[in-house]
Amino acid sequence: MGNADIDRFSGEAAEAPVSSYCWYCGAEIRLGERYFLHEEVRVCADCVKDYAYSVFERDARIKTAGEE
């Protein structure tokens, strides 16, 4: 780890700068972190399953077997 990665006051590694925010929960997405992009919506890894379900639920049609 180079000196640029050390917080000169605490001696600990500095946090990466915030790159963007999760649309679903508002969490910070820091430089170097992975996230998901769907139709220009950024979603953090912690929210991707809930987000995907909400999109599916929004777009899917509920049917009853035998009543099509």
PDB file of N, CA and C in Angstrom:
ATOM      1  N   MET A   1       0.856  -1.165   0.000  1.00  0.00           N
ATOM      2  CA  MET A   1       0.000   0.000   0.000  1.00  0.00           C
ATOM      3  C   MET A   1       0.900   1.225   0.000  1.00  0.00           C
ATOM      4  N   GLY A   2       0.681   2.147  -0.939  1.00  0.00           N
ATOM      5  CA  GLY A   2       1.483   3.354  -1.023  1.00  0.00           C
ATOM      6  C   GLY A   2       1.044   4.392  -0.009  1.00  0.00           C
ATOM      7  N   ASN A   3       1.860   5.393   0.178  1.00  0.00           N
ATOM      8  CA  ASN A   3       1.547   6.451   1.136  1.00  0.00           C
ATOM      9  C   ASN A   3       0.286   7.211   0.776  1.00  0.00           C
ATOM     10  N   ALA A   4      -0.086   7.252  -0.492  1.00  0.00           N
ATOM     11  CA  ALA A   4      -1.297   7.960  -0.913  1.00  0.00           C
ATOM     12  C   ALA A   4      -2.548   7.274  -0.387  1.00  0.00           C
ATOM     13  N   ASP A   5      -2.432   5.999  -0.020  1.00  0.00           N
ATOM     14  CA  ASP A   5      -3.583   5.250   0.474  1.00  0.00           C
ATOM     15  C   ASP A   5      -3.746   5.335   1.988  1.00  0.00           C
ATOM     16  N   ILE A   6      -2.861   6.043   2.667  1.00  0.00           N
ATOM     17  CA  ILE A   6      -2.885   6.131   4.127  1.00  0.00           C
ATOM     18  C   ILE A   6      -3.410   7.499   4.544  1.00  0.00           C
ATOM     19  N   ASP A   7      -4.346   7.506   5.475  1.00  0.00           N
ATOM     20  CA  ASP A   7      -4.825   8.756   6.066  1.00  0.00           C
ATOM     21  C   ASP A   7      -3.700   9.279   6.951  1.00  0.00           C
ATOM     22  N   ARG A   8      -3.162  10.433   6.654  1.00  0.00           N
ATOM     23  CA  ARG A   8      -1.977  10.919   7.362  1.00  0.00           C
ATOM     24  C   ARG A   8      -2.239  11.230   8.828  1.00  0.00           C
ATOM     25  N   PHE A   9      -3.504  11.370   9.220  1.00  0.00           N
ATOM     26  CA  PHE A   9      -3.815  11.691  10.608  1.00  0.00           C
ATOM     27  C   PHE A   9      -4.026  10.437  11.456  1.00  0.00           C
ATOM     28  N   SER A  10      -4.610   9.408  10.890  1.00  0.00           N
ATOM     29  CA  SER A  10      -4.910   8.217  11.685  1.00  0.00           C
ATOM     30  C   SER A  10      -3.988   7.046  11.380  1.00  0.00           C
ATOM     31  N   GLY A  11      -3.295   7.081  10.258  1.00  0.00           N
ATOM     32  CA  GLY A  11      -2.448   5.969   9.874  1.00  0.00           C
ATOM     33  C   GLY A  11      -3.215   4.813   9.269  1.00  0.00           C
ATOM     34  N   GLU A  12      -4.532   4.983   9.060  1.00  0.00           N
ATOM     35  CA  GLU A  12      -5.368   3.938   8.472  1.00  0.00           C
ATOM     36  C   GLU A  12      -5.610   4.247   6.999  1.00  0.00           C
ATOM     37  N   ALA A  13      -5.973   3.219   6.263  1.00  0.00           N
ATOM     38  CA  ALA A  13      -6.282   3.403   4.848  1.00  0.00           C
ATOM     39  C   ALA A  13      -7.481   4.334   4.701  1.00  0.00           C
ATOM     40  N   ALA A  14      -7.368   5.283   3.795  1.00  0.00           N
ATOM     41  CA  ALA A  14      -8.466   6.216   3.533  1.00  0.00           C
ATOM     42  C   ALA A  14      -9.549   5.513   2.724  1.00  0.00           C
ATOM     43  N   GLU A  15     -10.814   5.882   2.966  1.00  0.00           N
ATOM     44  CA  GLU A  15     -11.917   5.312   2.186  1.00  0.00           C
ATOM     45  C   GLU A  15     -11.869   5.856   0.764  1.00  0.00           C
ATOM     46  N   ALA A  16     -12.252   5.023  -0.168  1.00  0.00           N
ATOM     47  CA  ALA A  16     -12.330   5.464  -1.558  1.00  0.00           C
ATOM     48  C   ALA A  16     -13.431   6.509  -1.680  1.00  0.00           C
ATOM     49  N   PRO A  17     -13.287   7.444  -2.604  1.00  0.00           N
ATOM     50  CA  PRO A  17     -14.324   8.466  -2.769  1.00  0.00           C
ATOM     51  C   PRO A  17     -15.636   7.864  -3.275  1.00  0.00           C
ATOM     52  N   VAL A  18     -16.728   8.539  -2.958  1.00  0.00           N
ATOM     53  CA  VAL A  18     -18.051   8.102  -3.404  1.00  0.00           C
ATOM     54  C   VAL A  18     -18.166   8.377  -4.898  1.00  0.00           C
ATOM     55  N   SER A  19     -18.551   7.354  -5.638  1.00  0.00           N
ATOM     56  CA  SER A  19     -18.717   7.464  -7.085  1.00  0.00           C
ATOM     57  C   SER A  19     -20.165   7.768  -7.446  1.00  0.00           C
ATOM     58  N   SER A  20     -21.098   7.115  -6.746  1.00  0.00           N
ATOM     59  CA  SER A  20     -22.531   7.322  -6.985  1.00  0.00           C
ATOM     60  C   SER A  20     -23.292   6.721  -5.808  1.00  0.00           C
ATOM     61  N   TYR A  21     -24.604   6.638  -5.954  1.00  0.00           N
ATOM     62  CA  TYR A  21     -25.455   6.123  -4.880  1.00  0.00           C
ATOM     63  C   TYR A  21     -26.408   5.068  -5.430  1.00  0.00           C
ATOM     64  N   CYS A  22     -26.764   4.111  -4.587  1.00  0.00           N
ATOM     65  CA  CYS A  22     -27.735   3.088  -4.955  1.00  0.00           C
ATOM     66  C   CYS A  22     -29.113   3.738  -5.066  1.00  0.00           C
ATOM     67  N   TRP A  23     -29.764   3.533  -6.175  1.00  0.00           N
ATOM     68  CA  TRP A  23     -31.095   4.096  -6.395  1.00  0.00           C
ATOM     69  C   TRP A  23     -32.110   3.488  -5.434  1.00  0.00           C
ATOM     70  N   TYR A  24     -31.920   2.238  -5.080  1.00  0.00           N
ATOM     71  CA  TYR A  24     -32.905   1.508  -4.274  1.00  0.00           C
ATOM     72  C   TYR A  24     -32.835   1.867  -2.791  1.00  0.00           C
ATOM     73  N   CYS A  25     -31.625   1.930  -2.225  1.00  0.00           N
ATOM     74  CA  CYS A  25     -31.499   2.178  -0.776  1.00  0.00           C
ATOM     75  C   CYS A  25     -30.762   3.462  -0.431  1.00  0.00           C
ATOM     76  N   GLY A  26     -30.103   4.055  -1.416  1.00  0.00           N
ATOM     77  CA  GLY A  26     -29.375   5.296  -1.166  1.00  0.00           C
ATOM     78  C   GLY A  26     -27.965   5.113  -0.639  1.00  0.00           C
ATOM     79  N   ALA A  27     -27.498   3.877  -0.521  1.00  0.00           N
ATOM     80  CA  ALA A  27     -26.145   3.626  -0.014  1.00  0.00           C
ATOM     81  C   ALA A  27     -25.098   4.186  -0.971  1.00  0.00           C
ATOM     82  N   GLU A  28     -23.972   4.554  -0.401  1.00  0.00           N
ATOM     83  CA  GLU A  28     -22.863   5.046  -1.209  1.00  0.00           C
ATOM     84  C   GLU A  28     -22.258   3.899  -2.011  1.00  0.00           C
ATOM     85  N   ILE A  29     -21.941   4.169  -3.256  1.00  0.00           N
ATOM     86  CA  ILE A  29     -21.183   3.236  -4.087  1.00  0.00           C
ATOM     87  C   ILE A  29     -19.834   3.905  -4.290  1.00  0.00           C
ATOM     88  N   ARG A  30     -18.821   3.311  -3.705  1.00  0.00           N
ATOM     89  CA  ARG A  30     -17.492   3.922  -3.711  1.00  0.00           C
ATOM     90  C   ARG A  30     -16.690   3.487  -4.933  1.00  0.00           C
ATOM     91  N   LEU A  31     -15.752   4.320  -5.303  1.00  0.00           N
ATOM     92  CA  LEU A  31     -14.871   4.048  -6.424  1.00  0.00           C
ATOM     93  C   LEU A  31     -14.248   2.668  -6.251  1.00  0.00           C
ATOM     94  N   GLY A  32     -14.361   1.819  -7.261  1.00  0.00           N
ATOM     95  CA  GLY A  32     -13.822   0.463  -7.219  1.00  0.00           C
ATOM     96  C   GLY A  32     -14.820  -0.593  -6.782  1.00  0.00           C
ATOM     97  N   GLU A  33     -15.971  -0.194  -6.229  1.00  0.00           N
ATOM     98  CA  GLU A  33     -16.987  -1.164  -5.815  1.00  0.00           C
ATOM     99  C   GLU A  33     -17.830  -1.578  -7.016  1.00  0.00           C
ATOM    100  N   ARG A  34     -18.296  -2.810  -6.981  1.00  0.00           N
ATOM    101  CA  ARG A  34     -19.185  -3.295  -8.035  1.00  0.00           C
ATOM    102  C   ARG A  34     -20.617  -2.909  -7.726  1.00  0.00           C
ATOM    103  N   TYR A  35     -21.381  -2.648  -8.790  1.00  0.00           N
ATOM    104  CA  TYR A  35     -22.808  -2.370  -8.663  1.00  0.00           C
ATOM    105  C   TYR A  35     -23.481  -2.867  -9.929  1.00  0.00           C
ATOM    106  N   PHE A  36     -24.789  -2.878  -9.943  1.00  0.00           N
ATOM    107  CA  PHE A  36     -25.555  -3.330 -11.094  1.00  0.00           C
ATOM    108  C   PHE A  36     -26.205  -2.124 -11.751  1.00  0.00           C
ATOM    109  N   LEU A  37     -26.231  -2.121 -13.072  1.00  0.00           N
ATOM    110  CA  LEU A  37     -26.842  -1.041 -13.836  1.00  0.00           C
ATOM    111  C   LEU A  37     -27.961  -1.632 -14.680  1.00  0.00           C
ATOM    112  N   HIS A  38     -29.175  -1.133 -14.477  1.00  0.00           N
ATOM    113  CA  HIS A  38     -30.335  -1.597 -15.226  1.00  0.00           C
ATOM    114  C   HIS A  38     -31.117  -0.379 -15.680  1.00  0.00           C
ATOM    115  N   GLU A  39     -31.207  -0.196 -16.981  1.00  0.00           N
ATOM    116  CA  GLU A  39     -31.918   0.954 -17.549  1.00  0.00           C
ATOM    117  C   GLU A  39     -31.479   2.258 -16.887  1.00  0.00           C
ATOM    118  N   GLU A  40     -30.159   2.446 -16.780  1.00  0.00           N
ATOM    119  CA  GLU A  40     -29.530   3.643 -16.196  1.00  0.00           C
ATOM    120  C   GLU A  40     -29.788   3.801 -14.700  1.00  0.00           C
ATOM    121  N   VAL A  41     -30.261   2.755 -14.027  1.00  0.00           N
ATOM    122  CA  VAL A  41     -30.475   2.762 -12.580  1.00  0.00           C
ATOM    123  C   VAL A  41     -29.331   1.979 -11.940  1.00  0.00           C
ATOM    124  N   ARG A  42     -28.608   2.611 -11.021  1.00  0.00           N
ATOM    125  CA  ARG A  42     -27.516   1.953 -10.305  1.00  0.00           C
ATOM    126  C   ARG A  42     -28.057   1.318  -9.027  1.00  0.00           C
ATOM    127  N   VAL A  43     -27.720   0.040  -8.820  1.00  0.00           N
ATOM    128  CA  VAL A  43     -28.206  -0.700  -7.654  1.00  0.00           C
ATOM    129  C   VAL A  43     -27.015  -1.420  -7.017  1.00  0.00           C
ATOM    130  N   CYS A  44     -26.859  -1.261  -5.695  1.00  0.00           N
ATOM    131  CA  CYS A  44     -25.750  -1.920  -4.999  1.00  0.00           C
ATOM    132  C   CYS A  44     -26.003  -3.428  -4.915  1.00  0.00           C
ATOM    133  N   ALA A  45     -24.936  -4.165  -4.645  1.00  0.00           N
ATOM    134  CA  ALA A  45     -25.030  -5.628  -4.583  1.00  0.00           C
ATOM    135  C   ALA A  45     -25.982  -6.096  -3.485  1.00  0.00           C
ATOM    136  N   ASP A  46     -26.090  -5.337  -2.399  1.00  0.00           N
ATOM    137  CA  ASP A  46     -26.994  -5.730  -1.313  1.00  0.00           C
ATOM    138  C   ASP A  46     -28.463  -5.635  -1.716  1.00  0.00           C
ATOM    139  N   CYS A  47     -28.784  -4.793  -2.683  1.00  0.00           N
ATOM    140  CA  CYS A  47     -30.187  -4.541  -3.054  1.00  0.00           C
ATOM    141  C   CYS A  47     -30.626  -5.228  -4.339  1.00  0.00           C
ATOM    142  N   VAL A  48     -29.697  -5.836  -5.063  1.00  0.00           N
ATOM    143  CA  VAL A  48     -30.021  -6.294  -6.413  1.00  0.00           C
ATOM    144  C   VAL A  48     -31.183  -7.291  -6.443  1.00  0.00           C
ATOM    145  N   LYS A  49     -31.270  -8.199  -5.489  1.00  0.00           N
ATOM    146  CA  LYS A  49     -32.369  -9.180  -5.506  1.00  0.00           C
ATOM    147  C   LYS A  49     -33.713  -8.506  -5.257  1.00  0.00           C
ATOM    148  N   ASP A  50     -33.771  -7.607  -4.282  1.00  0.00           N
ATOM    149  CA  ASP A  50     -35.026  -6.898  -4.006  1.00  0.00           C
ATOM    150  C   ASP A  50     -35.424  -6.012  -5.178  1.00  0.00           C
ATOM    151  N   TYR A  51     -34.442  -5.337  -5.777  1.00  0.00           N
ATOM    152  CA  TYR A  51     -34.719  -4.481  -6.931  1.00  0.00           C
ATOM    153  C   TYR A  51     -35.241  -5.320  -8.095  1.00  0.00           C
ATOM    154  N   ALA A  52     -34.567  -6.437  -8.375  1.00  0.00           N
ATOM    155  CA  ALA A  52     -34.982  -7.294  -9.488  1.00  0.00           C
ATOM    156  C   ALA A  52     -36.403  -7.799  -9.279  1.00  0.00           C
ATOM    157  N   TYR A  53     -36.728  -8.196  -8.057  1.00  0.00           N
ATOM    158  CA  TYR A  53     -38.083  -8.668  -7.774  1.00  0.00           C
ATOM    159  C   TYR A  53     -39.097  -7.546  -7.974  1.00  0.00           C
ATOM    160  N   SER A  54     -38.769  -6.334  -7.544  1.00  0.00           N
ATOM    161  CA  SER A  54     -39.709  -5.218  -7.697  1.00  0.00           C
ATOM    162  C   SER A  54     -39.952  -4.904  -9.169  1.00  0.00           C
ATOM    163  N   VAL A  55     -38.915  -5.020  -9.996  1.00  0.00           N
ATOM    164  CA  VAL A  55     -39.079  -4.789 -11.438  1.00  0.00           C
ATOM    165  C   VAL A  55     -39.937  -5.893 -12.040  1.00  0.00           C
ATOM    166  N   PHE A  56     -39.667  -7.138 -11.667  1.00  0.00           N
ATOM    167  CA  PHE A  56     -40.463  -8.255 -12.162  1.00  0.00           C
ATOM    168  C   PHE A  56     -41.919  -8.093 -11.748  1.00  0.00           C
ATOM    169  N   GLU A  57     -42.134  -7.779 -10.477  1.00  0.00           N
ATOM    170  CA  GLU A  57     -43.494  -7.635  -9.957  1.00  0.00           C
ATOM    171  C   GLU A  57     -44.240  -6.506 -10.676  1.00  0.00           C
ATOM    172  N   ARG A  58     -43.527  -5.429 -10.974  1.00  0.00           N
ATOM    173  CA  ARG A  58     -44.126  -4.292 -11.676  1.00  0.00           C
ATOM    174  C   ARG A  58     -44.533  -4.662 -13.107  1.00  0.00           C
ATOM    175  N   ASP A  59     -43.688  -5.427 -13.785  1.00  0.00           N
ATOM    176  CA  ASP A  59     -43.896  -5.707 -15.207  1.00  0.00           C
ATOM    177  C   ASP A  59     -44.685  -6.982 -15.491  1.00  0.00           C
ATOM    178  N   ALA A  60     -44.744  -7.889 -14.539  1.00  0.00           N
ATOM    179  CA  ALA A  60     -45.422  -9.172 -14.761  1.00  0.00           C
ATOM    180  C   ALA A  60     -46.937  -9.013 -14.623  1.00  0.00           C
ATOM    181  N   ARG A  61     -47.650  -9.881 -15.310  1.00  0.00           N
ATOM    182  CA  ARG A  61     -49.113  -9.919 -15.178  1.00  0.00           C
ATOM    183  C   ARG A  61     -49.489 -11.162 -14.393  1.00  0.00           C
ATOM    184  N   ILE A  62     -50.372 -11.016 -13.439  1.00  0.00           N
ATOM    185  CA  ILE A  62     -50.825 -12.155 -12.643  1.00  0.00           C
ATOM    186  C   ILE A  62     -51.942 -12.859 -13.400  1.00  0.00           C
ATOM    187  N   LYS A  63     -51.824 -14.157 -13.516  1.00  0.00           N
ATOM    188  CA  LYS A  63     -52.812 -14.979 -14.214  1.00  0.00           C
ATOM    189  C   LYS A  63     -53.272 -16.098 -13.295  1.00  0.00           C
ATOM    190  N   THR A  64     -54.425 -16.644 -13.582  1.00  0.00           N
ATOM    191  CA  THR A  64     -54.924 -17.820 -12.882  1.00  0.00           C
ATOM    192  C   THR A  64     -55.030 -18.944 -13.896  1.00  0.00           C
ATOM    193  N   ALA A  65     -54.430 -20.076 -13.595  1.00  0.00           N
ATOM    194  CA  ALA A  65     -54.444 -21.210 -14.513  1.00  0.00           C
ATOM    195  C   ALA A  65     -55.881 -21.609 -14.819  1.00  0.00           C
ATOM    196  N   GLY A  66     -56.156 -21.842 -16.088  1.00  0.00           N
ATOM    197  CA  GLY A  66     -57.487 -22.245 -16.514  1.00  0.00           C
ATOM    198  C   GLY A  66     -58.411 -21.073 -16.808  1.00  0.00           C
ATOM    199  N   GLU A  67     -57.972 -19.839 -16.528  1.00  0.00           N
ATOM    200  CA  GLU A  67     -58.809 -18.667 -16.778  1.00  0.00           C
ATOM    201  C   GLU A  67     -58.180 -17.721 -17.800  1.00  0.00           C
ATOM    202  N   GLU A  68     -57.276 -18.240 -18.634  1.00  0.00           N
ATOM    203  CA  GLU A  68     -56.623 -17.375 -19.616  1.00  0.00           C
ATOM    204  C   GLU A  68     -57.617 -16.939 -20.615  1.00  0.00           C
TER     205      GLU A  68
END
